[in-house]
Amino acid sequence: MSRIRGGCLCGAVRYLSKSEPVMTALCHCTHCQRQSGGAFSVNVAVAKGSLEFQGSEPATYEDRGESGGKVLRRFCGKCGSSLLSEVDATPTLDWLKAGTLDDTSWVQPQASIWCDSAQA
């Protein structure tokens, strides 16, 4: 059974992935700070195409990252929960928001990125 299973706050969007996580990273970019409402975003990378959605399809906000590349930010259109990001700079990965996982007990960040914009 996969440990990659989760969904939004209201339950309208659920997801699962049968692939193993590639890595977990803390993103300190200002866009992730704004999206998460915190000092950083905890993101779990999974292989692109490995996610299966159940219920509602996520809504999309098209953003540009601090690198200038496109970032598709997927969220629940009903409750607004941020679910994942698709980043041009990492075309083989999808980045799940770790807070949406059903079980976060295994999440251990291995990297911090965009540290130049990290909050003090």
N, C-alpha and C. Protein backbone atom coordinates (compact mmCIF):
# COMPACT_ATOMS: atom_id res chain seq x y z
N MET A 1 0.84 -1.18 0.00
CA MET A 1 0.00 0.00 0.00
C MET A 1 0.89 1.25 0.00
N SER A 2 0.49 2.23 -0.78
CA SER A 2 1.27 3.45 -0.91
C SER A 2 1.13 4.33 0.32
N ARG A 3 2.21 5.02 0.64
CA ARG A 3 2.12 6.00 1.71
C ARG A 3 1.76 7.37 1.15
N ILE A 4 1.67 7.48 -0.17
CA ILE A 4 1.29 8.73 -0.81
C ILE A 4 -0.21 8.70 -1.05
N ARG A 5 -0.93 9.20 -0.07
CA ARG A 5 -2.39 9.26 -0.12
C ARG A 5 -2.80 10.48 0.68
N GLY A 6 -3.72 11.26 0.15
CA GLY A 6 -4.12 12.45 0.88
C GLY A 6 -5.24 13.19 0.18
N GLY A 7 -5.43 14.44 0.59
CA GLY A 7 -6.49 15.24 0.01
C GLY A 7 -6.60 16.60 0.67
N CYS A 8 -7.59 17.34 0.23
CA CYS A 8 -7.81 18.70 0.70
C CYS A 8 -8.57 18.70 2.03
N LEU A 9 -8.74 19.87 2.60
CA LEU A 9 -9.39 20.05 3.88
C LEU A 9 -10.85 19.58 3.87
N CYS A 10 -11.58 19.87 2.81
CA CYS A 10 -13.01 19.52 2.77
C CYS A 10 -13.26 18.11 2.25
N GLY A 11 -12.25 17.47 1.67
CA GLY A 11 -12.40 16.12 1.16
C GLY A 11 -12.90 16.02 -0.27
N ALA A 12 -13.12 17.15 -0.93
CA ALA A 12 -13.62 17.12 -2.31
C ALA A 12 -12.57 16.57 -3.28
N VAL A 13 -11.29 16.81 -3.00
CA VAL A 13 -10.21 16.31 -3.85
C VAL A 13 -9.37 15.32 -3.04
N ARG A 14 -9.23 14.12 -3.55
CA ARG A 14 -8.39 13.09 -2.94
C ARG A 14 -7.38 12.66 -3.99
N TYR A 15 -6.22 12.19 -3.53
CA TYR A 15 -5.20 11.69 -4.46
C TYR A 15 -4.50 10.50 -3.86
N LEU A 16 -3.86 9.74 -4.75
CA LEU A 16 -2.98 8.66 -4.33
C LEU A 16 -1.94 8.45 -5.40
N SER A 17 -0.83 7.88 -5.00
CA SER A 17 0.25 7.54 -5.92
C SER A 17 0.82 6.22 -5.49
N LYS A 18 1.03 5.34 -6.44
CA LYS A 18 1.63 4.05 -6.13
C LYS A 18 3.15 4.10 -6.19
N SER A 19 3.70 5.23 -6.65
CA SER A 19 5.15 5.35 -6.69
C SER A 19 5.66 5.84 -5.33
N GLU A 20 6.92 5.58 -5.09
CA GLU A 20 7.56 6.03 -3.86
C GLU A 20 7.95 7.49 -4.01
N PRO A 21 8.03 8.22 -2.89
CA PRO A 21 8.48 9.61 -2.98
C PRO A 21 9.92 9.68 -3.45
N VAL A 22 10.22 10.71 -4.23
CA VAL A 22 11.57 10.92 -4.74
C VAL A 22 12.41 11.66 -3.70
N MET A 23 11.81 12.68 -3.09
CA MET A 23 12.49 13.47 -2.06
C MET A 23 11.50 14.38 -1.38
N THR A 24 11.91 14.96 -0.29
CA THR A 24 11.12 15.98 0.41
C THR A 24 12.01 17.21 0.57
N ALA A 25 11.45 18.37 0.23
CA ALA A 25 12.23 19.61 0.28
C ALA A 25 11.41 20.73 0.92
N LEU A 26 12.12 21.59 1.62
CA LEU A 26 11.52 22.81 2.15
C LEU A 26 11.80 23.91 1.14
N CYS A 27 10.75 24.55 0.64
CA CYS A 27 10.93 25.65 -0.30
C CYS A 27 10.69 26.96 0.42
N HIS A 28 11.69 27.85 0.35
CA HIS A 28 11.65 29.14 1.02
C HIS A 28 11.37 30.29 0.07
N CYS A 29 10.98 30.00 -1.18
CA CYS A 29 10.70 31.10 -2.13
C CYS A 29 9.50 31.91 -1.63
N THR A 30 9.46 33.17 -2.02
CA THR A 30 8.39 34.04 -1.54
C THR A 30 7.02 33.60 -2.02
N HIS A 31 6.95 32.95 -3.18
CA HIS A 31 5.66 32.49 -3.68
C HIS A 31 5.13 31.34 -2.83
N CYS A 32 6.01 30.40 -2.45
CA CYS A 32 5.57 29.31 -1.56
C CYS A 32 5.22 29.84 -0.18
N GLN A 33 5.93 30.87 0.27
CA GLN A 33 5.56 31.48 1.56
C GLN A 33 4.15 32.04 1.49
N ARG A 34 3.84 32.74 0.42
CA ARG A 34 2.50 33.32 0.28
C ARG A 34 1.44 32.24 0.11
N GLN A 35 1.75 31.22 -0.69
CA GLN A 35 0.77 30.17 -0.93
C GLN A 35 0.49 29.37 0.35
N SER A 36 1.54 29.09 1.11
CA SER A 36 1.36 28.26 2.31
C SER A 36 0.92 29.07 3.53
N GLY A 37 1.17 30.37 3.51
CA GLY A 37 0.87 31.19 4.67
C GLY A 37 1.89 31.01 5.78
N GLY A 38 3.03 30.40 5.46
CA GLY A 38 4.06 30.15 6.45
C GLY A 38 5.42 30.61 5.96
N ALA A 39 6.44 30.29 6.75
CA ALA A 39 7.80 30.71 6.42
C ALA A 39 8.39 29.89 5.27
N PHE A 40 7.82 28.73 4.99
CA PHE A 40 8.27 27.86 3.91
C PHE A 40 7.17 26.86 3.62
N SER A 41 7.36 26.11 2.55
CA SER A 41 6.42 25.06 2.17
C SER A 41 7.15 23.72 2.21
N VAL A 42 6.52 22.70 2.80
CA VAL A 42 7.09 21.36 2.84
C VAL A 42 6.51 20.60 1.65
N ASN A 43 7.39 20.16 0.74
CA ASN A 43 6.96 19.56 -0.52
C ASN A 43 7.55 18.17 -0.70
N VAL A 44 6.71 17.23 -1.11
CA VAL A 44 7.13 15.86 -1.39
C VAL A 44 7.09 15.65 -2.89
N ALA A 45 8.24 15.33 -3.48
CA ALA A 45 8.32 15.10 -4.92
C ALA A 45 7.92 13.67 -5.25
N VAL A 46 7.07 13.52 -6.26
CA VAL A 46 6.69 12.21 -6.79
C VAL A 46 6.86 12.25 -8.31
N ALA A 47 7.00 11.10 -8.90
CA ALA A 47 7.18 11.02 -10.35
C ALA A 47 5.97 11.63 -11.07
N LYS A 48 6.25 12.46 -12.06
CA LYS A 48 5.19 13.07 -12.88
C LYS A 48 4.32 11.96 -13.47
N GLY A 49 3.03 12.13 -13.37
CA GLY A 49 2.09 11.16 -13.92
C GLY A 49 1.72 10.04 -12.96
N SER A 50 2.31 10.01 -11.76
CA SER A 50 2.02 8.92 -10.83
C SER A 50 0.81 9.20 -9.94
N LEU A 51 0.31 10.43 -9.95
CA LEU A 51 -0.83 10.78 -9.10
C LEU A 51 -2.15 10.43 -9.77
N GLU A 52 -3.04 9.85 -8.98
CA GLU A 52 -4.42 9.59 -9.42
C GLU A 52 -5.33 10.41 -8.53
N PHE A 53 -6.21 11.20 -9.15
CA PHE A 53 -7.15 12.02 -8.39
C PHE A 53 -8.51 11.35 -8.32
N GLN A 54 -9.17 11.53 -7.18
CA GLN A 54 -10.52 11.04 -6.97
C GLN A 54 -11.37 12.21 -6.52
N GLY A 55 -12.63 12.19 -6.86
CA GLY A 55 -13.51 13.31 -6.52
C GLY A 55 -13.31 14.42 -7.52
N SER A 56 -13.30 15.63 -7.04
CA SER A 56 -13.14 16.80 -7.90
C SER A 56 -11.72 16.91 -8.44
N GLU A 57 -11.58 17.45 -9.63
CA GLU A 57 -10.27 17.76 -10.18
C GLU A 57 -9.78 19.05 -9.53
N PRO A 58 -8.49 19.14 -9.24
CA PRO A 58 -7.98 20.38 -8.65
C PRO A 58 -8.11 21.56 -9.62
N ALA A 59 -8.33 22.74 -9.05
CA ALA A 59 -8.29 23.97 -9.81
C ALA A 59 -6.82 24.35 -9.98
N THR A 60 -6.54 25.27 -10.91
CA THR A 60 -5.16 25.63 -11.21
C THR A 60 -4.97 27.14 -11.24
N TYR A 61 -3.88 27.58 -10.62
CA TYR A 61 -3.42 28.95 -10.74
C TYR A 61 -2.07 28.89 -11.44
N GLU A 62 -1.94 29.59 -12.57
CA GLU A 62 -0.66 29.60 -13.30
C GLU A 62 0.19 30.75 -12.79
N ASP A 63 1.33 30.40 -12.25
CA ASP A 63 2.25 31.34 -11.63
C ASP A 63 3.57 31.33 -12.40
N ARG A 64 4.42 32.24 -12.09
CA ARG A 64 5.82 32.23 -12.56
C ARG A 64 6.68 32.20 -11.30
N GLY A 65 7.56 31.24 -11.24
CA GLY A 65 8.46 31.13 -10.09
C GLY A 65 9.49 32.23 -10.11
N GLU A 66 10.26 32.31 -9.05
CA GLU A 66 11.31 33.33 -8.96
C GLU A 66 12.37 33.13 -10.03
N SER A 67 12.44 31.92 -10.60
CA SER A 67 13.37 31.64 -11.70
C SER A 67 12.83 32.15 -13.03
N GLY A 68 11.55 32.50 -13.07
CA GLY A 68 10.90 32.94 -14.30
C GLY A 68 10.15 31.83 -15.00
N GLY A 69 10.36 30.58 -14.58
CA GLY A 69 9.67 29.44 -15.18
C GLY A 69 8.24 29.31 -14.68
N LYS A 70 7.42 28.62 -15.48
CA LYS A 70 6.02 28.43 -15.14
C LYS A 70 5.87 27.46 -13.97
N VAL A 71 4.95 27.79 -13.07
CA VAL A 71 4.59 26.93 -11.95
C VAL A 71 3.06 26.83 -11.93
N LEU A 72 2.55 25.63 -12.12
CA LEU A 72 1.11 25.40 -12.01
C LEU A 72 0.81 25.01 -10.58
N ARG A 73 0.08 25.85 -9.88
CA ARG A 73 -0.27 25.60 -8.48
C ARG A 73 -1.68 25.04 -8.45
N ARG A 74 -1.81 23.79 -8.01
CA ARG A 74 -3.09 23.09 -7.99
C ARG A 74 -3.67 23.14 -6.58
N PHE A 75 -4.98 23.39 -6.51
CA PHE A 75 -5.64 23.55 -5.23
C PHE A 75 -7.10 23.11 -5.34
N CYS A 76 -7.74 22.91 -4.20
CA CYS A 76 -9.16 22.57 -4.20
C CYS A 76 -9.97 23.83 -4.50
N GLY A 77 -10.84 23.75 -5.50
CA GLY A 77 -11.67 24.89 -5.86
C GLY A 77 -12.76 25.17 -4.85
N LYS A 78 -13.02 24.23 -3.96
CA LYS A 78 -14.08 24.41 -2.95
C LYS A 78 -13.53 25.01 -1.66
N CYS A 79 -12.48 24.42 -1.08
CA CYS A 79 -11.97 24.89 0.21
C CYS A 79 -10.67 25.68 0.10
N GLY A 80 -10.01 25.65 -1.07
CA GLY A 80 -8.81 26.43 -1.30
C GLY A 80 -7.51 25.77 -0.87
N SER A 81 -7.56 24.55 -0.36
CA SER A 81 -6.33 23.88 0.09
C SER A 81 -5.33 23.73 -1.05
N SER A 82 -4.09 24.15 -0.82
CA SER A 82 -3.01 23.93 -1.78
C SER A 82 -2.67 22.46 -1.77
N LEU A 83 -2.59 21.84 -2.96
CA LEU A 83 -2.35 20.40 -3.05
C LEU A 83 -1.00 20.05 -3.65
N LEU A 84 -0.65 20.67 -4.76
CA LEU A 84 0.60 20.35 -5.42
C LEU A 84 1.00 21.45 -6.38
N SER A 85 2.26 21.39 -6.78
CA SER A 85 2.78 22.30 -7.80
C SER A 85 3.45 21.49 -8.89
N GLU A 86 3.27 21.95 -10.12
CA GLU A 86 3.97 21.40 -11.28
C GLU A 86 4.91 22.51 -11.74
N VAL A 87 6.21 22.23 -11.72
CA VAL A 87 7.23 23.25 -11.92
C VAL A 87 8.01 22.96 -13.19
N ASP A 88 8.06 23.93 -14.11
CA ASP A 88 8.82 23.75 -15.35
C ASP A 88 10.26 23.32 -15.11
N ALA A 89 10.86 23.83 -14.03
CA ALA A 89 12.26 23.52 -13.75
C ALA A 89 12.49 22.05 -13.37
N THR A 90 11.42 21.35 -12.98
CA THR A 90 11.52 19.92 -12.64
C THR A 90 10.43 19.15 -13.40
N PRO A 91 10.59 18.99 -14.72
CA PRO A 91 9.53 18.44 -15.56
C PRO A 91 9.17 16.98 -15.30
N THR A 92 9.99 16.24 -14.57
CA THR A 92 9.69 14.83 -14.31
C THR A 92 9.08 14.61 -12.93
N LEU A 93 8.81 15.72 -12.21
CA LEU A 93 8.29 15.61 -10.85
C LEU A 93 7.05 16.46 -10.63
N ASP A 94 6.19 16.00 -9.75
CA ASP A 94 5.10 16.80 -9.18
C ASP A 94 5.45 16.99 -7.71
N TRP A 95 5.11 18.15 -7.14
CA TRP A 95 5.48 18.49 -5.77
C TRP A 95 4.22 18.61 -4.92
N LEU A 96 3.94 17.58 -4.13
CA LEU A 96 2.79 17.57 -3.23
C LEU A 96 3.06 18.41 -1.99
N LYS A 97 2.05 19.08 -1.50
CA LYS A 97 2.16 19.79 -0.23
C LYS A 97 2.02 18.76 0.88
N ALA A 98 3.06 18.59 1.68
CA ALA A 98 3.12 17.52 2.67
C ALA A 98 1.97 17.58 3.68
N GLY A 99 1.47 18.77 3.95
CA GLY A 99 0.37 18.90 4.90
C GLY A 99 -0.93 18.28 4.42
N THR A 100 -1.01 17.91 3.14
CA THR A 100 -2.23 17.28 2.62
C THR A 100 -2.18 15.76 2.66
N LEU A 101 -1.02 15.20 3.08
CA LEU A 101 -0.90 13.74 3.18
C LEU A 101 -1.72 13.22 4.35
N ASP A 102 -2.32 12.04 4.18
CA ASP A 102 -3.05 11.42 5.29
C ASP A 102 -2.10 11.03 6.42
N ASP A 103 -0.91 10.57 6.07
CA ASP A 103 0.08 10.15 7.06
C ASP A 103 1.38 10.90 6.78
N THR A 104 1.77 11.76 7.69
CA THR A 104 3.00 12.54 7.52
C THR A 104 4.13 12.02 8.41
N SER A 105 3.93 10.89 9.06
CA SER A 105 4.91 10.39 10.03
C SER A 105 6.26 10.08 9.40
N TRP A 106 6.30 9.80 8.12
CA TRP A 106 7.54 9.42 7.43
C TRP A 106 8.25 10.60 6.77
N VAL A 107 7.62 11.75 6.72
CA VAL A 107 8.17 12.90 6.00
C VAL A 107 9.42 13.44 6.72
N GLN A 108 10.53 13.40 6.03
CA GLN A 108 11.82 13.90 6.54
C GLN A 108 12.47 14.76 5.45
N PRO A 109 12.38 16.08 5.55
CA PRO A 109 12.99 16.93 4.52
C PRO A 109 14.48 16.65 4.36
N GLN A 110 14.90 16.56 3.09
CA GLN A 110 16.30 16.30 2.76
C GLN A 110 17.02 17.52 2.21
N ALA A 111 16.25 18.55 1.85
CA ALA A 111 16.87 19.73 1.26
C ALA A 111 16.04 20.96 1.56
N SER A 112 16.70 22.10 1.55
CA SER A 112 16.04 23.40 1.59
C SER A 112 16.43 24.13 0.32
N ILE A 113 15.45 24.73 -0.34
CA ILE A 113 15.71 25.43 -1.59
C ILE A 113 15.23 26.87 -1.50
N TRP A 114 15.75 27.72 -2.37
CA TRP A 114 15.45 29.15 -2.41
C TRP A 114 15.71 29.78 -1.04
N CYS A 115 16.82 29.44 -0.45
CA CYS A 115 17.17 29.90 0.90
C CYS A 115 17.49 31.39 0.96
N ASP A 116 17.82 32.00 -0.19
CA ASP A 116 18.10 33.44 -0.19
C ASP A 116 16.87 34.25 0.20
N SER A 117 15.67 33.69 0.00
CA SER A 117 14.45 34.41 0.38
C SER A 117 13.84 33.85 1.66
N ALA A 118 14.59 33.05 2.39
CA ALA A 118 14.09 32.48 3.65
C ALA A 118 13.86 33.61 4.67
N GLN A 119 12.83 33.45 5.47
CA GLN A 119 12.59 34.40 6.55
C GLN A 119 13.63 34.21 7.66
N ALA A 120 13.91 35.27 8.36
CA ALA A 120 14.95 35.24 9.42
C ALA A 120 14.58 34.26 10.53
